[in-house]
């Protein structure tokens, strides 16, 4: 009887310790997430401040003048070629014979 009571007390204590460790890990993880989020917000604020400074210092006329002073001149960056995307109904409507090729009835 005494051994059973001692075993129950030990198991209850071990369970309580495990729960406390789990709770502490969750608190530390939440604290780390909050810290990372705070750093992210600070970096985002710094980025917007720098963008604002660049926009304030670069007037379109000044940029055009600087480009004109360069020997080779500037060309626009070409955009990558766009693939044509079609829905399945467009493909089926365009090529009705391909629907018969996939007939599995024999």
C-alpha atoms as a PDB file:
ATOM      1  CA  UNK A   1       0.000   0.000   0.000  1.00  0.00           C
ATOM      2  CA  UNK A   2       2.803   2.398   0.918  1.00  0.00           C
ATOM      3  CA  UNK A   3       4.663   1.502  -2.295  1.00  0.00           C
ATOM      4  CA  UNK A   4       1.598   2.222  -4.413  1.00  0.00           C
ATOM      5  CA  UNK A   5       1.098   5.601  -2.741  1.00  0.00           C
ATOM      6  CA  UNK A   6       4.778   6.455  -3.208  1.00  0.00           C
ATOM      7  CA  UNK A   7       4.603   5.404  -6.876  1.00  0.00           C
ATOM      8  CA  UNK A   8       1.516   7.580  -7.468  1.00  0.00           C
ATOM      9  CA  UNK A   9       3.228  10.574  -5.830  1.00  0.00           C
ATOM     10  CA  UNK A  10       6.386  10.063  -7.927  1.00  0.00           C
ATOM     11  CA  UNK A  11       4.421   9.719 -11.180  1.00  0.00           C
ATOM     12  CA  UNK A  12       2.357  12.807 -10.348  1.00  0.00           C
ATOM     13  CA  UNK A  13       5.529  14.780  -9.586  1.00  0.00           C
ATOM     14  CA  UNK A  14       7.222  13.623 -12.803  1.00  0.00           C
ATOM     15  CA  UNK A  15       4.121  14.534 -14.810  1.00  0.00           C
ATOM     16  CA  UNK A  16       4.038  17.984 -13.198  1.00  0.00           C
ATOM     17  CA  UNK A  17       7.730  18.518 -14.011  1.00  0.00           C
ATOM     18  CA  UNK A  18       7.208  17.487 -17.633  1.00  0.00           C
ATOM     19  CA  UNK A  19       4.253  19.861 -17.935  1.00  0.00           C
ATOM     20  CA  UNK A  20       6.303  22.704 -16.446  1.00  0.00           C
ATOM     21  CA  UNK A  21       9.136  22.067 -18.922  1.00  0.00           C
ATOM     22  CA  UNK A  22       6.645  22.013 -21.800  1.00  0.00           C
ATOM     23  CA  UNK A  23       5.081  25.272 -20.596  1.00  0.00           C
ATOM     24  CA  UNK A  24       8.495  26.932 -20.256  1.00  0.00           C
ATOM     25  CA  UNK A  25       9.440  25.884 -23.805  1.00  0.00           C
ATOM     26  CA  UNK A  26       6.197  27.366 -25.147  1.00  0.00           C
ATOM     27  CA  UNK A  27       6.857  30.632 -23.302  1.00  0.00           C
ATOM     28  CA  UNK A  28      10.425  30.807 -24.657  1.00  0.00           C
ATOM     29  CA  UNK A  29       9.193  30.079 -28.185  1.00  0.00           C
ATOM     30  CA  UNK A  30       6.544  32.811 -27.948  1.00  0.00           C
ATOM     31  CA  UNK A  31       9.189  35.218 -26.640  1.00  0.00           C
ATOM     32  CA  UNK A  32      11.523  34.355 -29.529  1.00  0.00           C
ATOM     33  CA  UNK A  33       8.705  34.839 -32.064  1.00  0.00           C
ATOM     34  CA  UNK A  34       7.891  38.240 -30.530  1.00  0.00           C
ATOM     35  CA  UNK A  35      11.579  39.236 -30.681  1.00  0.00           C
ATOM     36  CA  UNK A  36      11.870  38.190 -34.336  1.00  0.00           C
ATOM     37  CA  UNK A  37       8.655  40.029 -35.161  1.00  0.00           C
ATOM     38  CA  UNK A  38       9.947  43.173 -33.448  1.00  0.00           C
ATOM     39  CA  UNK A  39      13.228  42.969 -35.422  1.00  0.00           C
ATOM     40  CA  UNK A  40      11.266  42.455 -38.632  1.00  0.00           C
ATOM     41  CA  UNK A  41       9.169  45.537 -37.947  1.00  0.00           C
ATOM     42  CA  UNK A  42      12.301  47.587 -37.218  1.00  0.00           C
ATOM     43  CA  UNK A  43      13.917  46.440 -40.473  1.00  0.00           C
ATOM     44  CA  UNK A  44      10.719  47.175 -42.363  1.00  0.00           C
ATOM     45  CA  UNK A  45      10.597  50.669 -40.875  1.00  0.00           C
ATOM     46  CA  UNK A  46      14.248  51.260 -41.818  1.00  0.00           C
ATOM     47  CA  UNK A  47      13.547  50.047 -45.353  1.00  0.00           C
ATOM     48  CA  UNK A  48      10.633  52.454 -45.763  1.00  0.00           C
ATOM     49  CA  UNK A  49      12.752  55.298 -44.365  1.00  0.00           C
ATOM     50  CA  UNK A  50      15.478  54.554 -46.925  1.00  0.00           C
ATOM     51  CA  UNK A  51      12.943  54.326 -49.735  1.00  0.00           C
ATOM     52  CA  UNK A  52      11.544  57.667 -48.684  1.00  0.00           C
ATOM     53  CA  UNK A  53      15.022  59.222 -48.715  1.00  0.00           C
ATOM     54  CA  UNK A  54      15.768  57.800 -52.172  1.00  0.00           C
ATOM     55  CA  UNK A  55      12.462  59.094 -53.506  1.00  0.00           C
ATOM     56  CA  UNK A  56      13.083  62.526 -51.996  1.00  0.00           C
ATOM     57  CA  UNK A  57      16.618  62.788 -53.424  1.00  0.00           C
ATOM     58  CA  UNK A  58      15.901  61.429 -56.912  1.00  0.00           C
ATOM     59  CA  UNK A  59      13.848  63.774 -59.022  1.00  0.00           C
ATOM     60  CA  UNK A  60      12.832  62.429 -62.468  1.00  0.00           C
ATOM     61  CA  UNK A  61      14.565  65.301 -64.277  1.00  0.00           C
ATOM     62  CA  UNK A  62      17.817  64.621 -62.439  1.00  0.00           C
ATOM     63  CA  UNK A  63      17.624  60.924 -63.278  1.00  0.00           C
ATOM     64  CA  UNK A  64      17.044  61.682 -66.971  1.00  0.00           C
ATOM     65  CA  UNK A  65      19.991  64.111 -66.931  1.00  0.00           C
ATOM     66  CA  UNK A  66      22.270  61.515 -65.324  1.00  0.00           C
ATOM     67  CA  UNK A  67      21.222  58.903 -67.895  1.00  0.00           C
ATOM     68  CA  UNK A  68      21.881  61.332 -70.731  1.00  0.00           C
ATOM     69  CA  UNK A  69      25.421  61.949 -69.426  1.00  0.00           C
ATOM     70  CA  UNK A  70      26.282  58.243 -69.662  1.00  0.00           C
ATOM     71  CA  UNK A  71      28.102  57.275 -72.839  1.00  0.00           C
ATOM     72  CA  UNK A  72      26.204  54.114 -73.706  1.00  0.00           C
ATOM     73  CA  UNK A  73      22.781  55.241 -72.688  1.00  0.00           C
ATOM     74  CA  UNK A  74      20.291  53.080 -70.956  1.00  0.00           C
ATOM     75  CA  UNK A  75      17.899  50.540 -72.372  1.00  0.00           C
ATOM     76  CA  UNK A  76      14.856  49.148 -70.578  1.00  0.00           C
ATOM     77  CA  UNK A  77      15.208  45.696 -69.074  1.00  0.00           C
ATOM     78  CA  UNK A  78      13.182  43.283 -71.201  1.00  0.00           C
ATOM     79  CA  UNK A  79      10.485  41.413 -69.400  1.00  0.00           C
ATOM     80  CA  UNK A  80      10.634  37.614 -69.578  1.00  0.00           C
ATOM     81  CA  UNK A  81       8.474  35.999 -72.255  1.00  0.00           C
ATOM     82  CA  UNK A  82       4.998  35.139 -71.058  1.00  0.00           C
ATOM     83  CA  UNK A  83       3.690  31.648 -71.560  1.00  0.00           C
ATOM     84  CA  UNK A  84       0.190  31.389 -72.869  1.00  0.00           C
ATOM     85  CA  UNK A  85      -2.017  29.693 -70.341  1.00  0.00           C
ATOM     86  CA  UNK A  86      -5.228  28.073 -71.438  1.00  0.00           C
ATOM     87  CA  UNK A  87      -7.929  26.423 -69.410  1.00  0.00           C
ATOM     88  CA  UNK A  88      -8.970  22.847 -70.094  1.00  0.00           C
ATOM     89  CA  UNK A  89     -12.227  24.001 -71.705  1.00  0.00           C
ATOM     90  CA  UNK A  90     -10.310  26.254 -74.105  1.00  0.00           C
ATOM     91  CA  UNK A  91      -8.052  23.358 -75.101  1.00  0.00           C
ATOM     92  CA  UNK A  92     -11.025  21.044 -75.611  1.00  0.00           C
ATOM     93  CA  UNK A  93     -12.929  23.647 -77.614  1.00  0.00           C
ATOM     94  CA  UNK A  94      -9.920  24.346 -79.831  1.00  0.00           C
ATOM     95  CA  UNK A  95      -9.045  20.683 -80.589  1.00  0.00           C
ATOM     96  CA  UNK A  96     -12.163  18.457 -80.508  1.00  0.00           C
ATOM     97  CA  UNK A  97     -10.311  15.491 -82.081  1.00  0.00           C
ATOM     98  CA  UNK A  98      -7.975  15.185 -79.094  1.00  0.00           C
ATOM     99  CA  UNK A  99     -10.980  14.315 -76.915  1.00  0.00           C
ATOM    100  CA  UNK A 100     -11.579  11.136 -78.963  1.00  0.00           C
ATOM    101  CA  UNK A 101      -7.943  10.003 -78.644  1.00  0.00           C
ATOM    102  CA  UNK A 102      -8.266   9.494 -74.899  1.00  0.00           C
ATOM    103  CA  UNK A 103     -11.366   7.339 -75.086  1.00  0.00           C
ATOM    104  CA  UNK A 104     -10.752   4.284 -72.877  1.00  0.00           C
ATOM    105  CA  UNK A 105     -13.825   2.295 -73.961  1.00  0.00           C
ATOM    106  CA  UNK A 106     -11.904   0.301 -76.549  1.00  0.00           C
END
